[in-house]
Amino acid sequence: MMAGHSLVKILSGFAWTMLFLNNIFYFIGDLGPLFIILALTGLELGVAISQAHVSTIPICIYLNDAINLH
């Protein structure tokens, strides 16, 4: 569950370092890690939504059974 957060933190540090290099191509070199960070953030959001969905469905089924008393 923490692997995505750790990966984003490592790549953010890498992108931050690349941003402050005194190289002519620092902006081009910084775009790659930033796009990867954005993609990973989107994937983490998708995982969070799917986890919420998977957790909510059994709870709703249980509550339905508890209220309607088979």
PDB file of N, CA and C in Angstrom:
ATOM      1  N   MET A   1       0.810  -1.191   0.000  1.00  0.00           N
ATOM      2  CA  MET A   1       0.000   0.000   0.000  1.00  0.00           C
ATOM      3  C   MET A   1       0.858   1.262   0.000  1.00  0.00           C
ATOM      4  N   MET A   2       2.070   1.146   0.475  1.00  0.00           N
ATOM      5  CA  MET A   2       2.937   2.332   0.537  1.00  0.00           C
ATOM      6  C   MET A   2       3.923   2.408  -0.624  1.00  0.00           C
ATOM      7  N   ALA A   3       3.934   1.413  -1.491  1.00  0.00           N
ATOM      8  CA  ALA A   3       4.916   1.393  -2.570  1.00  0.00           C
ATOM      9  C   ALA A   3       4.720   2.556  -3.526  1.00  0.00           C
ATOM     10  N   GLY A   4       3.472   2.884  -3.830  1.00  0.00           N
ATOM     11  CA  GLY A   4       3.199   4.004  -4.737  1.00  0.00           C
ATOM     12  C   GLY A   4       3.656   5.323  -4.138  1.00  0.00           C
ATOM     13  N   HIS A   5       3.391   5.504  -2.841  1.00  0.00           N
ATOM     14  CA  HIS A   5       3.812   6.740  -2.178  1.00  0.00           C
ATOM     15  C   HIS A   5       5.330   6.861  -2.152  1.00  0.00           C
ATOM     16  N   SER A   6       5.990   5.759  -1.869  1.00  0.00           N
ATOM     17  CA  SER A   6       7.460   5.779  -1.835  1.00  0.00           C
ATOM     18  C   SER A   6       8.041   6.089  -3.212  1.00  0.00           C
ATOM     19  N   LEU A   7       7.469   5.491  -4.233  1.00  0.00           N
ATOM     20  CA  LEU A   7       7.957   5.727  -5.587  1.00  0.00           C
ATOM     21  C   LEU A   7       7.748   7.186  -6.001  1.00  0.00           C
ATOM     22  N   VAL A   8       6.599   7.751  -5.670  1.00  0.00           N
ATOM     23  CA  VAL A   8       6.349   9.155  -5.999  1.00  0.00           C
ATOM     24  C   VAL A   8       7.301  10.062  -5.233  1.00  0.00           C
ATOM     25  N   LYS A   9       7.594   9.732  -3.982  1.00  0.00           N
ATOM     26  CA  LYS A   9       8.524  10.552  -3.196  1.00  0.00           C
ATOM     27  C   LYS A   9       9.932  10.504  -3.779  1.00  0.00           C
ATOM     28  N   ILE A  10      10.388   9.331  -4.178  1.00  0.00           N
ATOM     29  CA  ILE A  10      11.725   9.201  -4.763  1.00  0.00           C
ATOM     30  C   ILE A  10      11.812   9.960  -6.074  1.00  0.00           C
ATOM     31  N   LEU A  11      10.805   9.792  -6.932  1.00  0.00           N
ATOM     32  CA  LEU A  11      10.828  10.486  -8.222  1.00  0.00           C
ATOM     33  C   LEU A  11      10.648  11.993  -8.061  1.00  0.00           C
ATOM     34  N   SER A  12       9.913  12.423  -7.041  1.00  0.00           N
ATOM     35  CA  SER A  12       9.787  13.863  -6.789  1.00  0.00           C
ATOM     36  C   SER A  12      11.130  14.462  -6.388  1.00  0.00           C
ATOM     37  N   GLY A  13      11.877  13.746  -5.558  1.00  0.00           N
ATOM     38  CA  GLY A  13      13.213  14.213  -5.196  1.00  0.00           C
ATOM     39  C   GLY A  13      14.134  14.274  -6.402  1.00  0.00           C
ATOM     40  N   PHE A  14      14.018  13.273  -7.273  1.00  0.00           N
ATOM     41  CA  PHE A  14      14.817  13.266  -8.499  1.00  0.00           C
ATOM     42  C   PHE A  14      14.437  14.435  -9.397  1.00  0.00           C
ATOM     43  N   ALA A  15      13.137  14.690  -9.550  1.00  0.00           N
ATOM     44  CA  ALA A  15      12.681  15.801 -10.399  1.00  0.00           C
ATOM     45  C   ALA A  15      13.108  17.144  -9.800  1.00  0.00           C
ATOM     46  N   TRP A  16      13.071  17.258  -8.486  1.00  0.00           N
ATOM     47  CA  TRP A  16      13.482  18.501  -7.818  1.00  0.00           C
ATOM     48  C   TRP A  16      14.969  18.756  -8.043  1.00  0.00           C
ATOM     49  N   THR A  17      15.784  17.697  -7.981  1.00  0.00           N
ATOM     50  CA  THR A  17      17.212  17.824  -8.233  1.00  0.00           C
ATOM     51  C   THR A  17      17.468  18.218  -9.686  1.00  0.00           C
ATOM     52  N   MET A  18      16.755  17.599 -10.605  1.00  0.00           N
ATOM     53  CA  MET A  18      16.927  17.910 -12.018  1.00  0.00           C
ATOM     54  C   MET A  18      16.511  19.346 -12.333  1.00  0.00           C
ATOM     55  N   LEU A  19      15.563  19.869 -11.583  1.00  0.00           N
ATOM     56  CA  LEU A  19      15.069  21.222 -11.824  1.00  0.00           C
ATOM     57  C   LEU A  19      16.149  22.267 -11.553  1.00  0.00           C
ATOM     58  N   PHE A  20      16.990  22.015 -10.578  1.00  0.00           N
ATOM     59  CA  PHE A  20      17.975  23.011 -10.188  1.00  0.00           C
ATOM     60  C   PHE A  20      19.382  22.752 -10.710  1.00  0.00           C
ATOM     61  N   LEU A  21      19.513  21.874 -11.683  1.00  0.00           N
ATOM     62  CA  LEU A  21      20.821  21.693 -12.315  1.00  0.00           C
ATOM     63  C   LEU A  21      21.119  22.894 -13.204  1.00  0.00           C
ATOM     64  N   ASN A  22      22.364  23.279 -13.277  1.00  0.00           N
ATOM     65  CA  ASN A  22      22.752  24.414 -14.112  1.00  0.00           C
ATOM     66  C   ASN A  22      23.153  23.931 -15.500  1.00  0.00           C
ATOM     67  N   ASN A  23      22.263  23.279 -16.137  1.00  0.00           N
ATOM     68  CA  ASN A  23      22.511  22.723 -17.459  1.00  0.00           C
ATOM     69  C   ASN A  23      21.528  23.370 -18.436  1.00  0.00           C
ATOM     70  N   ILE A  24      21.908  23.459 -19.705  1.00  0.00           N
ATOM     71  CA  ILE A  24      21.020  24.046 -20.708  1.00  0.00           C
ATOM     72  C   ILE A  24      19.769  23.199 -20.877  1.00  0.00           C
ATOM     73  N   PHE A  25      19.902  21.897 -20.748  1.00  0.00           N
ATOM     74  CA  PHE A  25      18.783  20.989 -20.987  1.00  0.00           C
ATOM     75  C   PHE A  25      18.073  20.600 -19.688  1.00  0.00           C
ATOM     76  N   TYR A  26      18.165  21.428 -18.645  1.00  0.00           N
ATOM     77  CA  TYR A  26      17.559  21.050 -17.372  1.00  0.00           C
ATOM     78  C   TYR A  26      16.040  20.971 -17.490  1.00  0.00           C
ATOM     79  N   PHE A  27      15.434  21.830 -18.280  1.00  0.00           N
ATOM     80  CA  PHE A  27      13.981  21.814 -18.404  1.00  0.00           C
ATOM     81  C   PHE A  27      13.513  20.568 -19.148  1.00  0.00           C
ATOM     82  N   ILE A  28      14.242  20.191 -20.191  1.00  0.00           N
ATOM     83  CA  ILE A  28      13.885  18.987 -20.949  1.00  0.00           C
ATOM     84  C   ILE A  28      14.094  17.746 -20.081  1.00  0.00           C
ATOM     85  N   GLY A  29      15.147  17.732 -19.325  1.00  0.00           N
ATOM     86  CA  GLY A  29      15.423  16.597 -18.452  1.00  0.00           C
ATOM     87  C   GLY A  29      14.455  16.492 -17.302  1.00  0.00           C
ATOM     88  N   ASP A  30      13.815  17.598 -16.938  1.00  0.00           N
ATOM     89  CA  ASP A  30      12.882  17.579 -15.822  1.00  0.00           C
ATOM     90  C   ASP A  30      11.482  17.184 -16.254  1.00  0.00           C
ATOM     91  N   LEU A  31      11.167  17.266 -17.531  1.00  0.00           N
ATOM     92  CA  LEU A  31       9.825  16.926 -17.987  1.00  0.00           C
ATOM     93  C   LEU A  31       9.521  15.444 -17.837  1.00  0.00           C
ATOM     94  N   GLY A  32      10.500  14.588 -18.085  1.00  0.00           N
ATOM     95  CA  GLY A  32      10.289  13.146 -17.973  1.00  0.00           C
ATOM     96  C   GLY A  32       9.839  12.720 -16.585  1.00  0.00           C
ATOM     97  N   PRO A  33      10.604  13.035 -15.546  1.00  0.00           N
ATOM     98  CA  PRO A  33      10.169  12.644 -14.199  1.00  0.00           C
ATOM     99  C   PRO A  33       8.850  13.293 -13.779  1.00  0.00           C
ATOM    100  N   LEU A  34       8.592  14.510 -14.228  1.00  0.00           N
ATOM    101  CA  LEU A  34       7.323  15.143 -13.858  1.00  0.00           C
ATOM    102  C   LEU A  34       6.135  14.435 -14.493  1.00  0.00           C
ATOM    103  N   PHE A  35       6.281  14.020 -15.758  1.00  0.00           N
ATOM    104  CA  PHE A  35       5.200  13.280 -16.399  1.00  0.00           C
ATOM    105  C   PHE A  35       5.006  11.910 -15.740  1.00  0.00           C
ATOM    106  N   ILE A  36       6.100  11.297 -15.331  1.00  0.00           N
ATOM    107  CA  ILE A  36       5.996  10.007 -14.645  1.00  0.00           C
ATOM    108  C   ILE A  36       5.297  10.188 -13.305  1.00  0.00           C
ATOM    109  N   ILE A  37       5.606  11.261 -12.591  1.00  0.00           N
ATOM    110  CA  ILE A  37       4.948  11.537 -11.310  1.00  0.00           C
ATOM    111  C   ILE A  37       3.458  11.753 -11.517  1.00  0.00           C
ATOM    112  N   LEU A  38       3.094  12.511 -12.557  1.00  0.00           N
ATOM    113  CA  LEU A  38       1.675  12.716 -12.846  1.00  0.00           C
ATOM    114  C   LEU A  38       0.976  11.402 -13.186  1.00  0.00           C
ATOM    115  N   ALA A  39       1.625  10.550 -13.966  1.00  0.00           N
ATOM    116  CA  ALA A  39       1.028   9.261 -14.322  1.00  0.00           C
ATOM    117  C   ALA A  39       0.862   8.373 -13.088  1.00  0.00           C
ATOM    118  N   LEU A  40       1.867   8.346 -12.225  1.00  0.00           N
ATOM    119  CA  LEU A  40       1.773   7.529 -11.010  1.00  0.00           C
ATOM    120  C   LEU A  40       0.712   8.055 -10.058  1.00  0.00           C
ATOM    121  N   THR A  41       0.555   9.379  -9.997  1.00  0.00           N
ATOM    122  CA  THR A  41      -0.495   9.948  -9.159  1.00  0.00           C
ATOM    123  C   THR A  41      -1.865   9.543  -9.682  1.00  0.00           C
ATOM    124  N   GLY A  42      -2.026   9.539 -11.006  1.00  0.00           N
ATOM    125  CA  GLY A  42      -3.285   9.083 -11.591  1.00  0.00           C
ATOM    126  C   GLY A  42      -3.541   7.610 -11.300  1.00  0.00           C
ATOM    127  N   LEU A  43      -2.493   6.786 -11.387  1.00  0.00           N
ATOM    128  CA  LEU A  43      -2.653   5.372 -11.063  1.00  0.00           C
ATOM    129  C   LEU A  43      -3.003   5.161  -9.598  1.00  0.00           C
ATOM    130  N   GLU A  44      -2.392   5.933  -8.718  1.00  0.00           N
ATOM    131  CA  GLU A  44      -2.720   5.819  -7.295  1.00  0.00           C
ATOM    132  C   GLU A  44      -4.160   6.237  -7.022  1.00  0.00           C
ATOM    133  N   LEU A  45      -4.629   7.238  -7.732  1.00  0.00           N
ATOM    134  CA  LEU A  45      -6.024   7.653  -7.589  1.00  0.00           C
ATOM    135  C   LEU A  45      -6.953   6.533  -8.057  1.00  0.00           C
ATOM    136  N   GLY A  46      -6.603   5.890  -9.169  1.00  0.00           N
ATOM    137  CA  GLY A  46      -7.403   4.761  -9.649  1.00  0.00           C
ATOM    138  C   GLY A  46      -7.426   3.607  -8.665  1.00  0.00           C
ATOM    139  N   VAL A  47      -6.291   3.309  -8.058  1.00  0.00           N
ATOM    140  CA  VAL A  47      -6.225   2.238  -7.062  1.00  0.00           C
ATOM    141  C   VAL A  47      -7.069   2.598  -5.843  1.00  0.00           C
ATOM    142  N   ALA A  48      -7.022   3.848  -5.420  1.00  0.00           N
ATOM    143  CA  ALA A  48      -7.816   4.276  -4.265  1.00  0.00           C
ATOM    144  C   ALA A  48      -9.312   4.158  -4.554  1.00  0.00           C
ATOM    145  N   ILE A  49      -9.719   4.526  -5.761  1.00  0.00           N
ATOM    146  CA  ILE A  49     -11.137   4.425  -6.120  1.00  0.00           C
ATOM    147  C   ILE A  49     -11.568   2.958  -6.168  1.00  0.00           C
ATOM    148  N   SER A  50     -10.740   2.102  -6.731  1.00  0.00           N
ATOM    149  CA  SER A  50     -11.114   0.686  -6.797  1.00  0.00           C
ATOM    150  C   SER A  50     -11.137   0.047  -5.403  1.00  0.00           C
ATOM    151  N   GLN A  51     -10.220   0.439  -4.522  1.00  0.00           N
ATOM    152  CA  GLN A  51     -10.244  -0.085  -3.155  1.00  0.00           C
ATOM    153  C   GLN A  51     -11.494   0.369  -2.420  1.00  0.00           C
ATOM    154  N   ALA A  52     -11.885   1.606  -2.631  1.00  0.00           N
ATOM    155  CA  ALA A  52     -13.105   2.105  -1.985  1.00  0.00           C
ATOM    156  C   ALA A  52     -14.321   1.353  -2.512  1.00  0.00           C
ATOM    157  N   HIS A  53     -14.344   1.085  -3.806  1.00  0.00           N
ATOM    158  CA  HIS A  53     -15.470   0.361  -4.396  1.00  0.00           C
ATOM    159  C   HIS A  53     -15.536  -1.065  -3.867  1.00  0.00           C
ATOM    160  N   VAL A  54     -14.396  -1.728  -3.824  1.00  0.00           N
ATOM    161  CA  VAL A  54     -14.353  -3.118  -3.356  1.00  0.00           C
ATOM    162  C   VAL A  54     -14.726  -3.203  -1.880  1.00  0.00           C
ATOM    163  N   SER A  55     -14.394  -2.202  -1.101  1.00  0.00           N
ATOM    164  CA  SER A  55     -14.744  -2.218   0.321  1.00  0.00           C
ATOM    165  C   SER A  55     -16.206  -1.854   0.554  1.00  0.00           C
ATOM    166  N   THR A  56     -16.759  -1.005  -0.281  1.00  0.00           N
ATOM    167  CA  THR A  56     -18.121  -0.528  -0.074  1.00  0.00           C
ATOM    168  C   THR A  56     -19.161  -1.575  -0.430  1.00  0.00           C
ATOM    169  N   ILE A  57     -18.946  -2.335  -1.472  1.00  0.00           N
ATOM    170  CA  ILE A  57     -19.933  -3.319  -1.928  1.00  0.00           C
ATOM    171  C   ILE A  57     -20.236  -4.371  -0.854  1.00  0.00           C
ATOM    172  N   PRO A  58     -19.240  -5.017  -0.232  1.00  0.00           N
ATOM    173  CA  PRO A  58     -19.587  -5.994   0.819  1.00  0.00           C
ATOM    174  C   PRO A  58     -20.272  -5.353   2.029  1.00  0.00           C
ATOM    175  N   ILE A  59     -19.906  -4.113   2.356  1.00  0.00           N
ATOM    176  CA  ILE A  59     -20.560  -3.443   3.471  1.00  0.00           C
ATOM    177  C   ILE A  59     -22.028  -3.208   3.162  1.00  0.00           C
ATOM    178  N   CYS A  60     -22.321  -2.783   1.941  1.00  0.00           N
ATOM    179  CA  CYS A  60     -23.716  -2.566   1.546  1.00  0.00           C
ATOM    180  C   CYS A  60     -24.495  -3.877   1.539  1.00  0.00           C
ATOM    181  N   ILE A  61     -23.885  -4.949   1.083  1.00  0.00           N
ATOM    182  CA  ILE A  61     -24.556  -6.246   1.087  1.00  0.00           C
ATOM    183  C   ILE A  61     -24.836  -6.690   2.519  1.00  0.00           C
ATOM    184  N   TYR A  62     -23.859  -6.522   3.395  1.00  0.00           N
ATOM    185  CA  TYR A  62     -24.040  -6.898   4.798  1.00  0.00           C
ATOM    186  C   TYR A  62     -25.143  -6.066   5.449  1.00  0.00           C
ATOM    187  N   LEU A  63     -25.135  -4.748   5.220  1.00  0.00           N
ATOM    188  CA  LEU A  63     -26.170  -3.906   5.807  1.00  0.00           C
ATOM    189  C   LEU A  63     -27.559  -4.258   5.275  1.00  0.00           C
ATOM    190  N   ASN A  64     -27.653  -4.577   4.003  1.00  0.00           N
ATOM    191  CA  ASN A  64     -28.931  -4.984   3.427  1.00  0.00           C
ATOM    192  C   ASN A  64     -29.442  -6.259   4.093  1.00  0.00           C
ATOM    193  N   ASP A  65     -28.546  -7.229   4.274  1.00  0.00           N
ATOM    194  CA  ASP A  65     -28.945  -8.467   4.930  1.00  0.00           C
ATOM    195  C   ASP A  65     -29.290  -8.239   6.396  1.00  0.00           C
ATOM    196  N   ALA A  66     -28.564  -7.346   7.067  1.00  0.00           N
ATOM    197  CA  ALA A  66     -28.827  -7.101   8.489  1.00  0.00           C
ATOM    198  C   ALA A  66     -30.154  -6.363   8.686  1.00  0.00           C
ATOM    199  N   ILE A  67     -30.487  -5.471   7.767  1.00  0.00           N
ATOM    200  CA  ILE A  67     -31.728  -4.708   7.928  1.00  0.00           C
ATOM    201  C   ILE A  67     -32.937  -5.545   7.515  1.00  0.00           C
ATOM    202  N   ASN A  68     -32.835  -6.281   6.431  1.00  0.00           N
ATOM    203  CA  ASN A  68     -33.973  -7.029   5.920  1.00  0.00           C
ATOM    204  C   ASN A  68     -34.150  -8.396   6.599  1.00  0.00           C
ATOM    205  N   LEU A  69     -33.228  -8.831   7.405  1.00  0.00           N
ATOM    206  CA  LEU A  69     -33.315 -10.049   8.202  1.00  0.00           C
ATOM    207  C   LEU A  69     -33.855 -11.246   7.419  1.00  0.00           C
ATOM    208  N   HIS A  70     -32.994 -11.856   6.697  1.00  0.00           N
ATOM    209  CA  HIS A  70     -33.392 -13.030   5.896  1.00  0.00           C
ATOM    210  C   HIS A  70     -34.178 -13.995   6.730  1.00  0.00           C
TER     211      HIS A  70
END
